């Protein structure tokens, strides 16, 4: 590895660009691989990345953005930010273009990315990472952090050395020994992604409504039961113990809206990535989120009717079905499932 390691962000969408631009603004050597429309936006206007009160503007000449895999050839680290549904294609590009000693940092949703990537990239070093916050794009090349949280990754000497200059900055990474537990704990939060998409509301408005939060609590309770069956003790990611989350989100509006929204620092224009997928007509990651909870529940004999119903509604929406539901309608579907009534 060179004295100044080269990081290549593969899958430079909203999350990948926010992470990579934050590192680039902090002085790291970062290259980007993404879609042509993103490349064109940065070529014309450069980019702006916001982390709370800090904002950095980068000129077009400061950003190396390409649409093909050539940049992988001299990467020391690949920050993989593609959708989980695009893993196979991304792994094929890495296998064909990157050096065997390249470290692959998976900054993706889901709980078993490392296992899948290791099977597709035998012999390469795969490190699990986690991005806990939302990113919104007010303009095509403007990336704003829209909720609280910091980056986490599994321990790896190459990564820790490369990212050491980011300590104390918005691009800092907390290295953990318990990434399996971290990923499952993040899943507790990601279970809201489909609810936000199905609500048709902003994250702020959806989470300001107790009926939607009580639905989230039902999803989280099922997930915690599955974690017990998997012998996973959830990792603490924020100010609250994970097992307290369902009770916390179920609190009355007058209390939650004064505390929960403030703790998460959710901006009024934030939306889940799945809501963006609905808008763009893209395939969602539902099978790797709520679908993964339901599937694991079936393996262990743990009923997960709430996660099953939400997964089915998102799948139906992706096949041209109804996209917007009320919380009460989804609760009725879940009650029917629990009573054994065909939906």
C-alpha atoms as a PDB file:
ATOM      1  CA  UNK A   1       0.000   0.000   0.000  1.00  0.00           C
ATOM      2  CA  UNK A   2       1.271   3.479  -0.868  1.00  0.00           C
ATOM      3  CA  UNK A   3       1.983   6.152   1.727  1.00  0.00           C
ATOM      4  CA  UNK A   4      -1.244   7.874   0.660  1.00  0.00           C
ATOM      5  CA  UNK A   5      -3.679   5.013   0.052  1.00  0.00           C
ATOM      6  CA  UNK A   6      -6.058   5.326  -2.858  1.00  0.00           C
ATOM      7  CA  UNK A   7      -9.722   4.790  -2.060  1.00  0.00           C
ATOM      8  CA  UNK A   8     -12.196   4.079  -4.846  1.00  0.00           C
ATOM      9  CA  UNK A   9     -15.920   4.486  -4.128  1.00  0.00           C
ATOM     10  CA  UNK A  10     -17.744   1.935  -6.256  1.00  0.00           C
ATOM     11  CA  UNK A  11     -21.427   2.819  -6.488  1.00  0.00           C
ATOM     12  CA  UNK A  12     -21.153   6.581  -6.073  1.00  0.00           C
ATOM     13  CA  UNK A  13     -24.786   7.442  -5.420  1.00  0.00           C
ATOM     14  CA  UNK A  14     -26.054   9.549  -2.531  1.00  0.00           C
ATOM     15  CA  UNK A  15     -24.369   7.580   0.275  1.00  0.00           C
ATOM     16  CA  UNK A  16     -21.200   6.785  -1.675  1.00  0.00           C
ATOM     17  CA  UNK A  17     -20.742  10.393  -2.780  1.00  0.00           C
ATOM     18  CA  UNK A  18     -21.414  11.778   0.697  1.00  0.00           C
ATOM     19  CA  UNK A  19     -18.893   9.450   2.337  1.00  0.00           C
ATOM     20  CA  UNK A  20     -16.300   9.787  -0.416  1.00  0.00           C
ATOM     21  CA  UNK A  21     -16.572  13.569  -0.759  1.00  0.00           C
ATOM     22  CA  UNK A  22     -16.301  13.964   3.003  1.00  0.00           C
ATOM     23  CA  UNK A  23     -13.082  11.943   2.910  1.00  0.00           C
ATOM     24  CA  UNK A  24     -11.840  13.840  -0.155  1.00  0.00           C
ATOM     25  CA  UNK A  25     -12.503  17.196   1.541  1.00  0.00           C
ATOM     26  CA  UNK A  26     -10.532  15.859   4.524  1.00  0.00           C
ATOM     27  CA  UNK A  27      -7.451  15.270   2.389  1.00  0.00           C
ATOM     28  CA  UNK A  28      -7.711  11.601   1.409  1.00  0.00           C
ATOM     29  CA  UNK A  29      -7.081  10.302  -2.130  1.00  0.00           C
ATOM     30  CA  UNK A  30     -10.579   9.298  -3.263  1.00  0.00           C
ATOM     31  CA  UNK A  31     -11.858   8.345  -6.728  1.00  0.00           C
ATOM     32  CA  UNK A  32     -15.461   7.671  -7.684  1.00  0.00           C
ATOM     33  CA  UNK A  33     -17.203   5.208 -10.003  1.00  0.00           C
ATOM     34  CA  UNK A  34     -20.878   5.827 -10.670  1.00  0.00           C
ATOM     35  CA  UNK A  35     -23.600   6.570 -13.172  1.00  0.00           C
ATOM     36  CA  UNK A  36     -23.104   8.890 -16.184  1.00  0.00           C
ATOM     37  CA  UNK A  37     -25.621  11.456 -14.926  1.00  0.00           C
ATOM     38  CA  UNK A  38     -23.678  11.848 -11.662  1.00  0.00           C
ATOM     39  CA  UNK A  39     -20.407  12.145 -13.559  1.00  0.00           C
ATOM     40  CA  UNK A  40     -21.901  14.872 -15.750  1.00  0.00           C
ATOM     41  CA  UNK A  41     -23.287  16.819 -12.770  1.00  0.00           C
ATOM     42  CA  UNK A  42     -19.879  16.875 -11.065  1.00  0.00           C
ATOM     43  CA  UNK A  43     -18.035  17.671 -14.270  1.00  0.00           C
ATOM     44  CA  UNK A  44     -20.245  20.726 -14.760  1.00  0.00           C
ATOM     45  CA  UNK A  45     -20.615  22.015 -11.219  1.00  0.00           C
ATOM     46  CA  UNK A  46     -18.260  20.215  -8.861  1.00  0.00           C
ATOM     47  CA  UNK A  47     -19.943  19.092  -5.642  1.00  0.00           C
ATOM     48  CA  UNK A  48     -21.047  20.223  -2.216  1.00  0.00           C
ATOM     49  CA  UNK A  49     -21.104  17.948   0.841  1.00  0.00           C
ATOM     50  CA  UNK A  50     -22.771  18.918   4.137  1.00  0.00           C
ATOM     51  CA  UNK A  51     -22.232  17.395   7.579  1.00  0.00           C
ATOM     52  CA  UNK A  52     -24.364  19.335  10.040  1.00  0.00           C
ATOM     53  CA  UNK A  53     -22.889  22.812  10.383  1.00  0.00           C
ATOM     54  CA  UNK A  54     -19.889  21.997   8.193  1.00  0.00           C
ATOM     55  CA  UNK A  55     -20.105  22.272   4.411  1.00  0.00           C
ATOM     56  CA  UNK A  56     -17.366  21.699   1.834  1.00  0.00           C
ATOM     57  CA  UNK A  57     -17.445  22.716  -1.818  1.00  0.00           C
ATOM     58  CA  UNK A  58     -15.214  20.902  -4.300  1.00  0.00           C
ATOM     59  CA  UNK A  59     -14.430  22.188  -7.777  1.00  0.00           C
ATOM     60  CA  UNK A  60     -14.819  19.911 -10.816  1.00  0.00           C
ATOM     61  CA  UNK A  61     -11.045  19.542 -11.130  1.00  0.00           C
ATOM     62  CA  UNK A  62     -10.790  18.157  -7.599  1.00  0.00           C
ATOM     63  CA  UNK A  63     -13.098  15.197  -8.263  1.00  0.00           C
ATOM     64  CA  UNK A  64     -11.981  12.121 -10.209  1.00  0.00           C
ATOM     65  CA  UNK A  65     -15.281  10.559 -11.299  1.00  0.00           C
ATOM     66  CA  UNK A  66     -15.576   7.817 -13.908  1.00  0.00           C
ATOM     67  CA  UNK A  67     -18.305   5.512 -15.161  1.00  0.00           C
ATOM     68  CA  UNK A  68     -16.144   2.437 -15.821  1.00  0.00           C
ATOM     69  CA  UNK A  69     -14.068   0.132 -13.607  1.00  0.00           C
ATOM     70  CA  UNK A  70     -10.581   1.258 -14.731  1.00  0.00           C
ATOM     71  CA  UNK A  71      -9.972   3.167 -11.467  1.00  0.00           C
ATOM     72  CA  UNK A  72     -10.164  -0.139  -9.556  1.00  0.00           C
ATOM     73  CA  UNK A  73      -6.805  -1.230 -10.981  1.00  0.00           C
ATOM     74  CA  UNK A  74      -4.721   0.826  -8.547  1.00  0.00           C
ATOM     75  CA  UNK A  75      -7.153   0.976  -5.616  1.00  0.00           C
ATOM     76  CA  UNK A  76      -5.841   0.117  -2.173  1.00  0.00           C
ATOM     77  CA  UNK A  77      -9.364   0.227  -0.742  1.00  0.00           C
ATOM     78  CA  UNK A  78     -12.711  -0.166  -2.493  1.00  0.00           C
ATOM     79  CA  UNK A  79     -15.603   1.417  -0.591  1.00  0.00           C
ATOM     80  CA  UNK A  80     -18.531  -0.596  -1.939  1.00  0.00           C
ATOM     81  CA  UNK A  81     -21.714   1.475  -1.876  1.00  0.00           C
ATOM     82  CA  UNK A  82     -23.902  -0.206  -4.488  1.00  0.00           C
ATOM     83  CA  UNK A  83     -27.353  -1.476  -3.584  1.00  0.00           C
ATOM     84  CA  UNK A  84     -27.259  -4.970  -2.121  1.00  0.00           C
ATOM     85  CA  UNK A  85     -29.236  -6.111  -5.153  1.00  0.00           C
ATOM     86  CA  UNK A  86     -26.246  -5.120  -7.350  1.00  0.00           C
ATOM     87  CA  UNK A  87     -23.636  -7.102  -5.387  1.00  0.00           C
ATOM     88  CA  UNK A  88     -22.978  -9.712  -8.065  1.00  0.00           C
ATOM     89  CA  UNK A  89     -22.248  -7.185 -10.822  1.00  0.00           C
ATOM     90  CA  UNK A  90     -20.044  -5.090  -8.530  1.00  0.00           C
ATOM     91  CA  UNK A  91     -18.120  -8.148  -7.326  1.00  0.00           C
ATOM     92  CA  UNK A  92     -17.493  -9.184 -10.931  1.00  0.00           C
ATOM     93  CA  UNK A  93     -15.999  -5.757 -11.680  1.00  0.00           C
ATOM     94  CA  UNK A  94     -13.788  -5.928  -8.585  1.00  0.00           C
ATOM     95  CA  UNK A  95     -12.626  -9.459  -9.394  1.00  0.00           C
ATOM     96  CA  UNK A  96     -11.769  -8.474 -12.980  1.00  0.00           C
ATOM     97  CA  UNK A  97     -10.075  -5.135 -12.284  1.00  0.00           C
ATOM     98  CA  UNK A  98      -8.770  -4.826  -8.712  1.00  0.00           C
ATOM     99  CA  UNK A  99      -5.582  -6.316  -7.262  1.00  0.00           C
ATOM    100  CA  UNK A 100      -5.958  -9.361  -4.971  1.00  0.00           C
ATOM    101  CA  UNK A 101      -4.610  -7.421  -1.969  1.00  0.00           C
ATOM    102  CA  UNK A 102      -7.229  -4.671  -2.291  1.00  0.00           C
ATOM    103  CA  UNK A 103      -9.413  -4.281   0.805  1.00  0.00           C
ATOM    104  CA  UNK A 104     -13.153  -4.157   0.106  1.00  0.00           C
ATOM    105  CA  UNK A 105     -15.173  -2.123   2.629  1.00  0.00           C
ATOM    106  CA  UNK A 106     -18.885  -2.890   2.332  1.00  0.00           C
ATOM    107  CA  UNK A 107     -20.909   0.219   3.234  1.00  0.00           C
ATOM    108  CA  UNK A 108     -24.258  -1.384   2.419  1.00  0.00           C
ATOM    109  CA  UNK A 109     -27.535  -2.241   4.064  1.00  0.00           C
ATOM    110  CA  UNK A 110     -28.282  -5.792   5.151  1.00  0.00           C
ATOM    111  CA  UNK A 111     -26.719  -8.172   7.656  1.00  0.00           C
ATOM    112  CA  UNK A 112     -24.867 -10.788   5.588  1.00  0.00           C
ATOM    113  CA  UNK A 113     -23.010  -8.704   2.998  1.00  0.00           C
ATOM    114  CA  UNK A 114     -19.620  -9.944   4.138  1.00  0.00           C
ATOM    115  CA  UNK A 115     -20.564 -13.588   3.718  1.00  0.00           C
ATOM    116  CA  UNK A 116     -21.976 -13.041   0.222  1.00  0.00           C
ATOM    117  CA  UNK A 117     -19.034 -10.916  -0.930  1.00  0.00           C
ATOM    118  CA  UNK A 118     -16.476 -13.381   0.460  1.00  0.00           C
ATOM    119  CA  UNK A 119     -18.117 -16.124  -1.598  1.00  0.00           C
ATOM    120  CA  UNK A 120     -17.987 -13.960  -4.739  1.00  0.00           C
ATOM    121  CA  UNK A 121     -14.453 -12.627  -4.092  1.00  0.00           C
ATOM    122  CA  UNK A 122     -12.508 -15.575  -2.657  1.00  0.00           C
ATOM    123  CA  UNK A 123      -9.110 -14.610  -1.297  1.00  0.00           C
ATOM    124  CA  UNK A 124      -9.872 -10.898  -1.009  1.00  0.00           C
ATOM    125  CA  UNK A 125     -10.195  -9.091   2.317  1.00  0.00           C
ATOM    126  CA  UNK A 126     -13.808  -8.091   2.981  1.00  0.00           C
ATOM    127  CA  UNK A 127     -14.597  -5.694   5.833  1.00  0.00           C
ATOM    128  CA  UNK A 128     -18.134  -4.929   6.976  1.00  0.00           C
ATOM    129  CA  UNK A 129     -19.008  -1.252   7.394  1.00  0.00           C
ATOM    130  CA  UNK A 130     -22.085   0.682   8.417  1.00  0.00           C
ATOM    131  CA  UNK A 131     -23.549   4.071   7.465  1.00  0.00           C
ATOM    132  CA  UNK A 132     -26.297   4.947   9.982  1.00  0.00           C
ATOM    133  CA  UNK A 133     -27.534   8.216   8.522  1.00  0.00           C
ATOM    134  CA  UNK A 134     -29.702   9.368   5.623  1.00  0.00           C
ATOM    135  CA  UNK A 135     -28.456  11.558   2.782  1.00  0.00           C
ATOM    136  CA  UNK A 136     -30.576  13.870   0.655  1.00  0.00           C
ATOM    137  CA  UNK A 137     -29.686  15.645  -2.595  1.00  0.00           C
ATOM    138  CA  UNK A 138     -31.161  19.159  -2.878  1.00  0.00           C
ATOM    139  CA  UNK A 139     -29.293  19.436  -6.198  1.00  0.00           C
ATOM    140  CA  UNK A 140     -27.781  16.737  -8.445  1.00  0.00           C
ATOM    141  CA  UNK A 141     -24.288  17.107  -6.914  1.00  0.00           C
ATOM    142  CA  UNK A 142     -25.241  18.438  -3.459  1.00  0.00           C
ATOM    143  CA  UNK A 143     -25.176  15.835  -0.658  1.00  0.00           C
ATOM    144  CA  UNK A 144     -26.562  16.655   2.781  1.00  0.00           C
ATOM    145  CA  UNK A 145     -26.470  14.471   5.864  1.00  0.00           C
ATOM    146  CA  UNK A 146     -30.094  14.349   7.036  1.00  0.00           C
ATOM    147  CA  UNK A 147     -29.941  12.417  10.332  1.00  0.00           C
ATOM    148  CA  UNK A 148     -27.545  11.591  13.142  1.00  0.00           C
ATOM    149  CA  UNK A 149     -24.798   8.984  13.401  1.00  0.00           C
ATOM    150  CA  UNK A 150     -21.227   8.209  12.389  1.00  0.00           C
ATOM    151  CA  UNK A 151     -19.498   5.631  10.216  1.00  0.00           C
ATOM    152  CA  UNK A 152     -18.450   2.265  11.678  1.00  0.00           C
ATOM    153  CA  UNK A 153     -16.340  -0.567  10.301  1.00  0.00           C
ATOM    154  CA  UNK A 154     -14.749  -3.813  11.354  1.00  0.00           C
ATOM    155  CA  UNK A 155     -11.152  -3.733  12.493  1.00  0.00           C
ATOM    156  CA  UNK A 156      -8.560  -3.927   9.712  1.00  0.00           C
ATOM    157  CA  UNK A 157      -5.009  -2.579   9.827  1.00  0.00           C
ATOM    158  CA  UNK A 158      -5.055  -1.215   6.268  1.00  0.00           C
ATOM    159  CA  UNK A 159      -8.342   0.629   6.789  1.00  0.00           C
ATOM    160  CA  UNK A 160      -7.392   1.966  10.197  1.00  0.00           C
ATOM    161  CA  UNK A 161      -4.128   3.392   8.867  1.00  0.00           C
ATOM    162  CA  UNK A 162      -5.734   4.864   5.742  1.00  0.00           C
ATOM    163  CA  UNK A 163      -8.587   6.537   7.627  1.00  0.00           C
ATOM    164  CA  UNK A 164      -6.572   7.679  10.651  1.00  0.00           C
ATOM    165  CA  UNK A 165      -6.348  11.287   9.263  1.00  0.00           C
ATOM    166  CA  UNK A 166     -10.151  11.523   9.538  1.00  0.00           C
ATOM    167  CA  UNK A 167     -10.124  11.266  13.357  1.00  0.00           C
ATOM    168  CA  UNK A 168     -12.084  14.133  14.898  1.00  0.00           C
ATOM    169  CA  UNK A 169     -13.692  15.097  11.565  1.00  0.00           C
ATOM    170  CA  UNK A 170     -17.116  14.316  10.027  1.00  0.00           C
ATOM    171  CA  UNK A 171     -15.409  11.540   8.054  1.00  0.00           C
ATOM    172  CA  UNK A 172     -14.167   9.679  11.146  1.00  0.00           C
ATOM    173  CA  UNK A 173     -14.782   5.928  11.328  1.00  0.00           C
ATOM    174  CA  UNK A 174     -15.319   4.042  14.577  1.00  0.00           C
ATOM    175  CA  UNK A 175     -13.701   0.608  14.326  1.00  0.00           C
ATOM    176  CA  UNK A 176     -15.564  -2.190  16.079  1.00  0.00           C
ATOM    177  CA  UNK A 177     -14.983  -5.843  16.930  1.00  0.00           C
ATOM    178  CA  UNK A 178     -18.704  -6.683  16.956  1.00  0.00           C
ATOM    179  CA  UNK A 179     -19.810  -5.833  13.422  1.00  0.00           C
ATOM    180  CA  UNK A 180     -22.328  -8.677  13.185  1.00  0.00           C
ATOM    181  CA  UNK A 181     -24.157  -7.221  16.173  1.00  0.00           C
ATOM    182  CA  UNK A 182     -23.711  -3.699  14.759  1.00  0.00           C
ATOM    183  CA  UNK A 183     -25.275  -4.682  11.441  1.00  0.00           C
ATOM    184  CA  UNK A 184     -28.273  -6.328  13.122  1.00  0.00           C
ATOM    185  CA  UNK A 185     -28.738  -3.286  15.359  1.00  0.00           C
ATOM    186  CA  UNK A 186     -28.703  -1.021  12.338  1.00  0.00           C
ATOM    187  CA  UNK A 187     -31.316  -3.323  10.808  1.00  0.00           C
ATOM    188  CA  UNK A 188     -33.608  -2.383  13.710  1.00  0.00           C
ATOM    189  CA  UNK A 189     -33.525   1.177  12.356  1.00  0.00           C
ATOM    190  CA  UNK A 190     -33.653   0.170   8.668  1.00  0.00           C
ATOM    191  CA  UNK A 191     -36.939  -1.671   9.304  1.00  0.00           C
ATOM    192  CA  UNK A 192     -38.560   1.751   8.997  1.00  0.00           C
ATOM    193  CA  UNK A 193     -37.382   2.175   5.387  1.00  0.00           C
ATOM    194  CA  UNK A 194     -40.406   0.385   3.865  1.00  0.00           C
ATOM    195  CA  UNK A 195     -42.818   2.106   6.237  1.00  0.00           C
ATOM    196  CA  UNK A 196     -41.520   5.466   5.105  1.00  0.00           C
ATOM    197  CA  UNK A 197     -41.803   4.429   1.464  1.00  0.00           C
ATOM    198  CA  UNK A 198     -45.334   3.049   1.875  1.00  0.00           C
ATOM    199  CA  UNK A 199     -46.478   6.122   3.821  1.00  0.00           C
ATOM    200  CA  UNK A 200     -45.589   8.527   1.014  1.00  0.00           C
ATOM    201  CA  UNK A 201     -44.462  10.987   3.710  1.00  0.00           C
ATOM    202  CA  UNK A 202     -41.156  12.570   4.682  1.00  0.00           C
ATOM    203  CA  UNK A 203     -39.259  10.755   7.440  1.00  0.00           C
ATOM    204  CA  UNK A 204     -39.935  13.644   9.797  1.00  0.00           C
ATOM    205  CA  UNK A 205     -43.696  13.569   9.204  1.00  0.00           C
ATOM    206  CA  UNK A 206     -43.939   9.771   9.290  1.00  0.00           C
ATOM    207  CA  UNK A 207     -41.970   9.464  12.532  1.00  0.00           C
ATOM    208  CA  UNK A 208     -44.009  12.303  14.047  1.00  0.00           C
ATOM    209  CA  UNK A 209     -47.076  10.033  13.802  1.00  0.00           C
ATOM    210  CA  UNK A 210     -47.571   7.466  16.573  1.00  0.00           C
ATOM    211  CA  UNK A 211     -49.503   4.940  14.422  1.00  0.00           C
ATOM    212  CA  UNK A 212     -46.496   4.648  12.104  1.00  0.00           C
ATOM    213  CA  UNK A 213     -44.085   4.425  15.042  1.00  0.00           C
ATOM    214  CA  UNK A 214     -46.155   1.673  16.663  1.00  0.00           C
ATOM    215  CA  UNK A 215     -45.913  -0.255  13.412  1.00  0.00           C
ATOM    216  CA  UNK A 216     -42.142   0.242  13.535  1.00  0.00           C
ATOM    217  CA  UNK A 217     -42.132  -1.045  17.121  1.00  0.00           C
ATOM    218  CA  UNK A 218     -43.936  -4.215  15.988  1.00  0.00           C
ATOM    219  CA  UNK A 219     -41.299  -4.775  13.289  1.00  0.00           C
ATOM    220  CA  UNK A 220     -38.499  -4.171  15.795  1.00  0.00           C
ATOM    221  CA  UNK A 221     -39.961  -6.509  18.412  1.00  0.00           C
ATOM    222  CA  UNK A 222     -40.067  -9.315  15.857  1.00  0.00           C
ATOM    223  CA  UNK A 223     -36.483  -8.555  14.850  1.00  0.00           C
ATOM    224  CA  UNK A 224     -35.313  -8.662  18.473  1.00  0.00           C
ATOM    225  CA  UNK A 225     -36.941 -12.096  18.870  1.00  0.00           C
ATOM    226  CA  UNK A 226     -35.108 -13.279  15.758  1.00  0.00           C
ATOM    227  CA  UNK A 227     -31.839 -11.874  17.129  1.00  0.00           C
ATOM    228  CA  UNK A 228     -32.380 -13.881  20.312  1.00  0.00           C
ATOM    229  CA  UNK A 229     -32.898 -16.992  18.198  1.00  0.00           C
ATOM    230  CA  UNK A 230     -29.688 -16.178  16.307  1.00  0.00           C
ATOM    231  CA  UNK A 231     -27.825 -15.669  19.632  1.00  0.00           C
ATOM    232  CA  UNK A 232     -27.014 -12.067  18.728  1.00  0.00           C
ATOM    233  CA  UNK A 233     -26.870  -9.455  21.467  1.00  0.00           C
ATOM    234  CA  UNK A 234     -27.674  -6.131  19.766  1.00  0.00           C
ATOM    235  CA  UNK A 235     -24.891  -3.553  19.784  1.00  0.00           C
ATOM    236  CA  UNK A 236     -25.474  -0.099  21.232  1.00  0.00           C
ATOM    237  CA  UNK A 237     -25.162   2.406  18.378  1.00  0.00           C
ATOM    238  CA  UNK A 238     -26.601   5.553  19.890  1.00  0.00           C
ATOM    239  CA  UNK A 239     -27.782   6.975  23.197  1.00  0.00           C
ATOM    240  CA  UNK A 240     -30.457   4.277  23.704  1.00  0.00           C
ATOM    241  CA  UNK A 241     -30.041   0.549  24.413  1.00  0.00           C
ATOM    242  CA  UNK A 242     -31.366  -1.337  21.332  1.00  0.00           C
ATOM    243  CA  UNK A 243     -33.867  -3.369  23.350  1.00  0.00           C
ATOM    244  CA  UNK A 244     -35.498  -0.134  24.503  1.00  0.00           C
ATOM    245  CA  UNK A 245     -36.174   1.072  20.954  1.00  0.00           C
ATOM    246  CA  UNK A 246     -39.695  -0.424  20.517  1.00  0.00           C
ATOM    247  CA  UNK A 247     -40.885   1.124  23.778  1.00  0.00           C
ATOM    248  CA  UNK A 248     -39.197   4.410  22.932  1.00  0.00           C
ATOM    249  CA  UNK A 249     -40.749   4.777  19.478  1.00  0.00           C
ATOM    250  CA  UNK A 250     -44.159   3.809  20.890  1.00  0.00           C
ATOM    251  CA  UNK A 251     -44.237   6.795  23.243  1.00  0.00           C
ATOM    252  CA  UNK A 252     -47.030   9.368  22.836  1.00  0.00           C
ATOM    253  CA  UNK A 253     -46.447  12.030  20.190  1.00  0.00           C
ATOM    254  CA  UNK A 254     -46.055  14.865  22.690  1.00  0.00           C
ATOM    255  CA  UNK A 255     -43.083  13.076  24.273  1.00  0.00           C
ATOM    256  CA  UNK A 256     -41.446  11.387  21.284  1.00  0.00           C
ATOM    257  CA  UNK A 257     -41.620  14.453  19.076  1.00  0.00           C
ATOM    258  CA  UNK A 258     -39.720  16.440  21.705  1.00  0.00           C
ATOM    259  CA  UNK A 259     -37.033  13.812  22.249  1.00  0.00           C
ATOM    260  CA  UNK A 260     -36.811  11.149  19.534  1.00  0.00           C
ATOM    261  CA  UNK A 261     -36.763  13.454  16.533  1.00  0.00           C
ATOM    262  CA  UNK A 262     -34.264  15.675  18.305  1.00  0.00           C
ATOM    263  CA  UNK A 263     -31.964  12.753  19.139  1.00  0.00           C
ATOM    264  CA  UNK A 264     -31.974  11.528  15.535  1.00  0.00           C
ATOM    265  CA  UNK A 265     -31.544  15.058  14.117  1.00  0.00           C
ATOM    266  CA  UNK A 266     -33.896  14.198  11.267  1.00  0.00           C
ATOM    267  CA  UNK A 267     -34.312  17.095   8.845  1.00  0.00           C
ATOM    268  CA  UNK A 268     -37.787  17.901   7.544  1.00  0.00           C
ATOM    269  CA  UNK A 269     -36.901  16.935   3.965  1.00  0.00           C
ATOM    270  CA  UNK A 270     -35.274  13.575   4.740  1.00  0.00           C
ATOM    271  CA  UNK A 271     -36.646  10.422   3.094  1.00  0.00           C
ATOM    272  CA  UNK A 272     -35.595   6.797   3.271  1.00  0.00           C
ATOM    273  CA  UNK A 273     -33.583   5.288   0.422  1.00  0.00           C
ATOM    274  CA  UNK A 274     -36.510   2.952  -0.256  1.00  0.00           C
ATOM    275  CA  UNK A 275     -38.817   5.937  -0.720  1.00  0.00           C
ATOM    276  CA  UNK A 276     -36.342   7.217  -3.313  1.00  0.00           C
ATOM    277  CA  UNK A 277     -36.414   3.773  -4.962  1.00  0.00           C
ATOM    278  CA  UNK A 278     -40.216   3.986  -5.177  1.00  0.00           C
ATOM    279  CA  UNK A 279     -39.989   7.398  -6.830  1.00  0.00           C
ATOM    280  CA  UNK A 280     -37.346   6.274  -9.315  1.00  0.00           C
ATOM    281  CA  UNK A 281     -38.982   2.919 -10.053  1.00  0.00           C
ATOM    282  CA  UNK A 282     -35.877   1.020  -8.901  1.00  0.00           C
ATOM    283  CA  UNK A 283     -35.656  -2.420  -7.324  1.00  0.00           C
ATOM    284  CA  UNK A 284     -35.708  -2.156  -3.528  1.00  0.00           C
ATOM    285  CA  UNK A 285     -33.618  -3.889  -0.871  1.00  0.00           C
ATOM    286  CA  UNK A 286     -36.676  -5.211   0.969  1.00  0.00           C
ATOM    287  CA  UNK A 287     -35.548  -8.863   0.792  1.00  0.00           C
ATOM    288  CA  UNK A 288     -32.344  -7.933   2.653  1.00  0.00           C
ATOM    289  CA  UNK A 289     -34.136  -5.889   5.341  1.00  0.00           C
ATOM    290  CA  UNK A 290     -37.609  -6.898   6.554  1.00  0.00           C
ATOM    291  CA  UNK A 291     -37.495  -9.911   4.265  1.00  0.00           C
ATOM    292  CA  UNK A 292     -34.315 -11.114   5.973  1.00  0.00           C
ATOM    293  CA  UNK A 293     -36.005 -10.847   9.380  1.00  0.00           C
ATOM    294  CA  UNK A 294     -39.013 -12.848   8.186  1.00  0.00           C
ATOM    295  CA  UNK A 295     -36.836 -15.507   6.523  1.00  0.00           C
ATOM    296  CA  UNK A 296     -34.658 -15.916   9.609  1.00  0.00           C
ATOM    297  CA  UNK A 297     -37.827 -16.126  11.693  1.00  0.00           C
ATOM    298  CA  UNK A 298     -39.072 -19.010   9.546  1.00  0.00           C
ATOM    299  CA  UNK A 299     -35.780 -20.865  10.028  1.00  0.00           C
ATOM    300  CA  UNK A 300     -36.056 -20.541  13.808  1.00  0.00           C
ATOM    301  CA  UNK A 301     -39.820 -20.937  14.158  1.00  0.00           C
ATOM    302  CA  UNK A 302     -40.267 -17.288  15.200  1.00  0.00           C
ATOM    303  CA  UNK A 303     -43.480 -15.783  13.742  1.00  0.00           C
ATOM    304  CA  UNK A 304     -42.881 -12.444  12.010  1.00  0.00           C
ATOM    305  CA  UNK A 305     -46.282 -11.450  10.585  1.00  0.00           C
ATOM    306  CA  UNK A 306     -45.562  -7.707  10.591  1.00  0.00           C
ATOM    307  CA  UNK A 307     -42.295  -8.050   8.656  1.00  0.00           C
ATOM    308  CA  UNK A 308     -43.928 -10.591   6.321  1.00  0.00           C
ATOM    309  CA  UNK A 309     -46.798  -8.244   5.450  1.00  0.00           C
ATOM    310  CA  UNK A 310     -44.572  -5.191   4.942  1.00  0.00           C
ATOM    311  CA  UNK A 311     -42.225  -7.220   2.739  1.00  0.00           C
ATOM    312  CA  UNK A 312     -45.137  -8.386   0.589  1.00  0.00           C
ATOM    313  CA  UNK A 313     -46.571  -4.870   0.215  1.00  0.00           C
ATOM    314  CA  UNK A 314     -43.215  -3.534  -1.003  1.00  0.00           C
ATOM    315  CA  UNK A 315     -42.800  -6.436  -3.427  1.00  0.00           C
ATOM    316  CA  UNK A 316     -46.301  -5.802  -4.790  1.00  0.00           C
ATOM    317  CA  UNK A 317     -45.539  -2.092  -5.179  1.00  0.00           C
ATOM    318  CA  UNK A 318     -42.434  -3.021  -7.180  1.00  0.00           C
ATOM    319  CA  UNK A 319     -44.614  -5.084  -9.532  1.00  0.00           C
ATOM    320  CA  UNK A 320     -46.949  -2.206 -10.277  1.00  0.00           C
ATOM    321  CA  UNK A 321     -49.201  -2.571  -7.246  1.00  0.00           C
ATOM    322  CA  UNK A 322     -50.391   0.033  -4.797  1.00  0.00           C
ATOM    323  CA  UNK A 323     -47.571   2.140  -3.321  1.00  0.00           C
ATOM    324  CA  UNK A 324     -49.223   4.314  -0.669  1.00  0.00           C
ATOM    325  CA  UNK A 325     -50.951   2.971   2.447  1.00  0.00           C
ATOM    326  CA  UNK A 326     -52.133   4.286   5.790  1.00  0.00           C
ATOM    327  CA  UNK A 327     -50.737   2.844   9.004  1.00  0.00           C
ATOM    328  CA  UNK A 328     -54.221   1.571   9.925  1.00  0.00           C
ATOM    329  CA  UNK A 329     -54.518  -0.337   6.640  1.00  0.00           C
ATOM    330  CA  UNK A 330     -51.176  -2.045   7.189  1.00  0.00           C
ATOM    331  CA  UNK A 331     -52.140  -2.939  10.774  1.00  0.00           C
ATOM    332  CA  UNK A 332     -55.347  -4.507   9.429  1.00  0.00           C
ATOM    333  CA  UNK A 333     -53.301  -6.596   6.989  1.00  0.00           C
ATOM    334  CA  UNK A 334     -51.051  -7.766   9.834  1.00  0.00           C
ATOM    335  CA  UNK A 335     -54.045  -8.645  12.024  1.00  0.00           C
ATOM    336  CA  UNK A 336     -55.517 -10.662   9.154  1.00  0.00           C
ATOM    337  CA  UNK A 337     -52.219 -12.505   8.766  1.00  0.00           C
ATOM    338  CA  UNK A 338     -52.097 -13.279  12.477  1.00  0.00           C
ATOM    339  CA  UNK A 339     -55.679 -14.556  12.345  1.00  0.00           C
ATOM    340  CA  UNK A 340     -54.863 -16.741   9.357  1.00  0.00           C
ATOM    341  CA  UNK A 341     -57.077 -14.763   6.965  1.00  0.00           C
ATOM    342  CA  UNK A 342     -55.846 -14.529   3.351  1.00  0.00           C
ATOM    343  CA  UNK A 343     -54.843 -10.985   2.462  1.00  0.00           C
END
